[in-house]
Amino acid sequence: MKKFLPLILIFIFLFAACGGDSSSDEFVSSSNVYEMKDVTSAGWKMKKGFEIAEFPESTDARWGFAGPDGREVAVIRYPNTELANTKGLQAAQEQTEYIEPIEGITAYGDKVEKTTCRGFADYPPPYKVTQEKNLGINKTFLLNKNNFIEESLDSINADCPRREPFYRVYLIEGNLVFLGELLRKEDLQMVDVFLEELAIKVREGKE
């Protein structure tokens, strides 16, 4: 047994060394100061701004789409990294605040602007059809922007199992705050990885 002791110690040392490297893989924000065009250059398709939420001392707050799945990602821009890591951090925490519902279906904080229904066992996106009147001639599926979508949303809200923040994960890179949508059949870590990859693309485009 004694003759194997040195080998055992070597294996323990190597295992500990490998385990210590895991923290080096964690995303670390840079000191870069970006423009919104730096994010669009990385593949983010900028759309509209927030309707209700206010982000004090920010210069921009827009949402758009990124990635092959068209994930919605919001970007809040600040004049410098200090504000992003203070005011921006607070805004990100408020917009992604999830509260486990005790009664009812509300699972979000008071400051959350965008919410969505989650918790369906099997919910084929993006629409749920339950009524024959949504079928037209020869049972053709009709998309009427002013009528059908409203009826579908009413149907969805009627049996919503849980309403929670639309954005569930945030990430800060330089003077930017990213908020990521949680897609169906995903966990939060998958959203985190997506935001990290997007932030790295933005960073590399700046170099």
Protein backbone atom coordinates (compact mmCIF):
# COMPACT_ATOMS: atom_id res chain seq x y z
CA MET A 1 0.00 0.00 0.00
CA LYS A 2 2.83 2.35 0.88
CA LYS A 3 4.39 2.03 -2.56
CA PHE A 4 1.15 3.32 -4.13
CA LEU A 5 0.90 6.31 -1.78
CA PRO A 6 3.01 8.66 -3.96
CA LEU A 7 0.83 7.86 -6.98
CA ILE A 8 -2.34 8.48 -4.98
CA LEU A 9 -1.00 11.85 -3.83
CA ILE A 10 -0.12 12.80 -7.40
CA PHE A 11 -3.64 11.96 -8.61
CA ILE A 12 -5.17 13.99 -5.77
CA PHE A 13 -2.96 16.96 -6.64
CA LEU A 14 -3.84 16.79 -10.33
CA PHE A 15 -7.57 16.48 -9.56
CA ALA A 16 -7.45 19.52 -7.28
CA ALA A 17 -5.53 21.51 -9.88
CA CYS A 18 -8.06 20.71 -12.60
CA GLY A 19 -10.94 21.58 -10.30
CA GLY A 20 -9.37 24.93 -9.52
CA ASP A 21 -9.40 25.89 -13.20
CA SER A 22 -13.21 25.87 -13.39
CA SER A 23 -13.50 29.40 -12.03
CA SER A 24 -11.30 30.70 -14.86
CA ASP A 25 -14.05 29.76 -17.33
CA GLU A 26 -16.53 32.16 -15.75
CA PHE A 27 -17.44 35.22 -17.82
CA VAL A 28 -15.68 38.39 -16.73
CA SER A 29 -16.92 41.75 -17.98
CA SER A 30 -14.45 43.98 -19.80
CA SER A 31 -13.90 47.73 -19.40
CA ASN A 32 -15.02 48.43 -22.98
CA VAL A 33 -17.47 51.20 -23.76
CA TYR A 34 -19.78 50.26 -26.62
CA GLU A 35 -22.27 51.88 -28.96
CA MET A 36 -25.52 50.15 -29.90
CA LYS A 37 -24.11 49.58 -33.39
CA ASP A 38 -21.48 47.30 -31.84
CA VAL A 39 -24.28 44.96 -30.74
CA THR A 40 -26.07 45.04 -34.09
CA SER A 41 -22.76 44.23 -35.79
CA ALA A 42 -22.65 41.05 -33.69
CA GLY A 43 -25.96 39.86 -35.15
CA TRP A 44 -28.50 41.44 -32.80
CA LYS A 45 -31.49 42.85 -34.71
CA MET A 46 -32.59 45.94 -32.80
CA LYS A 47 -36.33 46.67 -32.66
CA LYS A 48 -38.22 48.84 -30.18
CA GLY A 49 -37.77 50.39 -26.76
CA PHE A 50 -39.44 49.62 -23.45
CA GLU A 51 -42.91 51.09 -23.00
CA ILE A 52 -43.13 51.52 -19.23
CA ALA A 53 -39.88 50.70 -17.47
CA GLU A 54 -37.45 53.55 -16.89
CA PHE A 55 -33.72 53.07 -16.53
CA PRO A 56 -32.20 56.14 -14.85
CA GLU A 57 -28.94 57.43 -16.36
CA SER A 58 -29.05 54.97 -19.26
CA THR A 59 -28.54 56.23 -22.82
CA ASP A 60 -30.46 53.48 -24.64
CA ALA A 61 -32.86 50.67 -23.76
CA ARG A 62 -34.02 48.57 -26.68
CA TRP A 63 -35.08 45.00 -27.37
CA GLY A 64 -34.43 42.91 -30.45
CA PHE A 65 -33.68 39.40 -31.66
CA ALA A 66 -30.51 37.33 -31.87
CA GLY A 67 -29.44 33.82 -32.77
CA PRO A 68 -30.90 31.24 -35.14
CA ASP A 69 -33.94 30.71 -32.89
CA GLY A 70 -34.82 34.41 -32.86
CA ARG A 71 -34.38 34.77 -29.10
CA GLU A 72 -35.48 38.14 -27.78
CA VAL A 73 -32.63 40.01 -26.12
CA ALA A 74 -32.90 43.45 -24.53
CA VAL A 75 -29.89 45.75 -24.31
CA ILE A 76 -29.58 48.63 -21.86
CA ARG A 77 -26.65 50.95 -22.56
CA TYR A 78 -24.98 53.27 -20.05
CA PRO A 79 -22.39 56.03 -20.55
CA ASN A 80 -19.73 54.06 -18.66
CA THR A 81 -19.03 50.72 -16.99
CA GLU A 82 -19.49 52.12 -13.48
CA LEU A 83 -23.12 52.97 -14.15
CA ALA A 84 -23.67 49.65 -15.90
CA ASN A 85 -22.44 47.82 -12.80
CA THR A 86 -24.57 49.87 -10.41
CA LYS A 87 -27.71 51.30 -12.03
CA GLY A 88 -27.60 48.65 -14.74
CA LEU A 89 -27.24 45.81 -12.29
CA GLN A 90 -30.24 47.07 -10.33
CA ALA A 91 -32.32 47.40 -13.51
CA ALA A 92 -31.36 43.89 -14.64
CA GLN A 93 -32.27 42.38 -11.30
CA GLU A 94 -35.63 44.17 -11.33
CA GLN A 95 -36.53 43.09 -14.87
CA THR A 96 -35.60 39.43 -14.29
CA GLU A 97 -36.99 39.11 -10.75
CA TYR A 98 -38.72 35.76 -10.35
CA ILE A 99 -40.86 35.14 -7.26
CA GLU A 100 -42.18 31.65 -6.53
CA PRO A 101 -45.97 32.06 -6.45
CA ILE A 102 -47.64 31.03 -3.20
CA GLU A 103 -51.17 31.82 -4.33
CA GLY A 104 -52.31 32.49 -7.89
CA ILE A 105 -50.05 32.52 -10.93
CA THR A 106 -48.03 35.72 -10.41
CA ALA A 107 -44.32 34.90 -10.32
CA TYR A 108 -42.64 38.24 -10.99
CA GLY A 109 -41.54 41.36 -9.15
CA ASP A 110 -43.25 44.76 -9.13
CA LYS A 111 -40.77 46.38 -11.56
CA VAL A 112 -40.98 43.71 -14.28
CA GLU A 113 -42.38 45.20 -17.50
CA LYS A 114 -42.60 42.17 -19.80
CA THR A 115 -44.16 38.94 -18.55
CA THR A 116 -45.14 35.68 -20.22
CA CYS A 117 -46.92 32.42 -19.43
CA ARG A 118 -44.71 29.44 -18.69
CA GLY A 119 -45.21 26.04 -17.13
CA PHE A 120 -47.26 24.39 -19.86
CA ALA A 121 -46.62 20.66 -20.13
CA ASP A 122 -46.58 20.80 -23.91
CA TYR A 123 -47.13 24.12 -25.63
CA PRO A 124 -46.41 24.30 -29.37
CA PRO A 125 -45.31 27.86 -30.23
CA PRO A 126 -46.36 30.39 -31.26
CA TYR A 127 -50.17 29.93 -31.24
CA LYS A 128 -52.69 27.66 -29.57
CA VAL A 129 -55.84 26.86 -31.54
CA THR A 130 -58.78 25.45 -29.61
CA GLN A 131 -61.83 26.78 -31.44
CA GLU A 132 -63.32 25.84 -34.82
CA LYS A 133 -63.89 29.50 -35.70
CA ASN A 134 -60.15 29.90 -36.19
CA LEU A 135 -60.46 27.64 -39.24
CA GLY A 136 -61.56 29.09 -42.57
CA ILE A 137 -62.52 27.64 -45.95
CA ASN A 138 -61.65 23.95 -46.13
CA LYS A 139 -60.39 24.28 -42.58
CA THR A 140 -57.55 26.55 -43.70
CA PHE A 141 -55.74 28.20 -40.80
CA LEU A 142 -56.40 31.96 -41.00
CA LEU A 143 -54.03 34.52 -39.51
CA ASN A 144 -55.94 37.75 -38.94
CA LYS A 145 -53.73 40.24 -37.13
CA ASN A 146 -56.58 42.18 -35.58
CA ASN A 147 -58.87 39.30 -34.66
CA PHE A 148 -57.13 35.94 -34.45
CA ILE A 149 -54.17 36.95 -32.29
CA GLU A 150 -56.42 38.63 -29.71
CA GLU A 151 -58.58 35.51 -29.48
CA SER A 152 -55.50 33.30 -29.16
CA LEU A 153 -54.04 35.46 -26.41
CA ASP A 154 -57.32 35.35 -24.51
CA SER A 155 -57.29 31.55 -24.78
CA ILE A 156 -53.70 31.39 -23.56
CA ASN A 157 -54.27 33.71 -20.60
CA ALA A 158 -57.39 31.79 -19.58
CA ASP A 159 -55.40 28.71 -18.60
CA CYS A 160 -52.01 30.24 -17.87
CA PRO A 161 -50.32 28.03 -15.23
CA ARG A 162 -47.70 30.60 -14.23
CA ARG A 163 -46.92 34.17 -15.35
CA GLU A 164 -43.27 35.06 -14.85
CA PRO A 165 -40.68 37.55 -16.16
CA PHE A 166 -40.15 37.35 -19.92
CA TYR A 167 -36.42 37.92 -19.40
CA ARG A 168 -34.98 35.48 -16.88
CA VAL A 169 -31.20 35.97 -17.22
CA TYR A 170 -29.00 39.07 -17.38
CA LEU A 171 -25.34 39.69 -18.16
CA ILE A 172 -23.16 42.80 -18.02
CA GLU A 173 -20.41 43.40 -20.57
CA GLY A 174 -18.63 46.74 -20.37
CA ASN A 175 -21.26 49.47 -20.37
CA LEU A 176 -23.98 47.14 -21.70
CA VAL A 177 -26.61 45.14 -19.83
CA PHE A 178 -28.11 42.16 -21.68
CA LEU A 179 -31.46 40.59 -20.74
CA GLY A 180 -32.23 37.18 -22.25
CA GLU A 181 -35.51 35.43 -23.02
CA LEU A 182 -35.99 31.88 -21.73
CA LEU A 183 -37.15 29.73 -24.64
CA ARG A 184 -39.33 26.62 -24.32
CA LYS A 185 -37.60 23.50 -23.03
CA GLU A 186 -34.55 25.49 -21.88
CA ASP A 187 -32.99 25.96 -18.48
CA LEU A 188 -31.47 29.19 -17.19
CA GLN A 189 -27.91 28.00 -17.81
CA MET A 190 -28.62 27.70 -21.54
CA VAL A 191 -29.75 31.33 -21.64
CA ASP A 192 -26.65 32.33 -19.70
CA VAL A 193 -24.40 30.57 -22.22
CA PHE A 194 -26.20 32.28 -25.10
CA LEU A 195 -25.73 35.75 -23.58
CA GLU A 196 -22.06 35.04 -22.89
CA GLU A 197 -21.51 34.01 -26.51
CA LEU A 198 -23.29 37.14 -27.75
CA ALA A 199 -21.27 39.37 -25.40
CA ILE A 200 -18.02 37.77 -26.58
CA LYS A 201 -18.98 38.47 -30.21
CA VAL A 202 -19.62 42.10 -29.31
CA ARG A 203 -16.27 42.29 -27.51
CA GLU A 204 -14.35 40.68 -30.36
CA GLY A 205 -15.91 43.12 -32.82
CA LYS A 206 -14.56 45.98 -30.74
CA GLU A 207 -10.99 44.69 -30.75
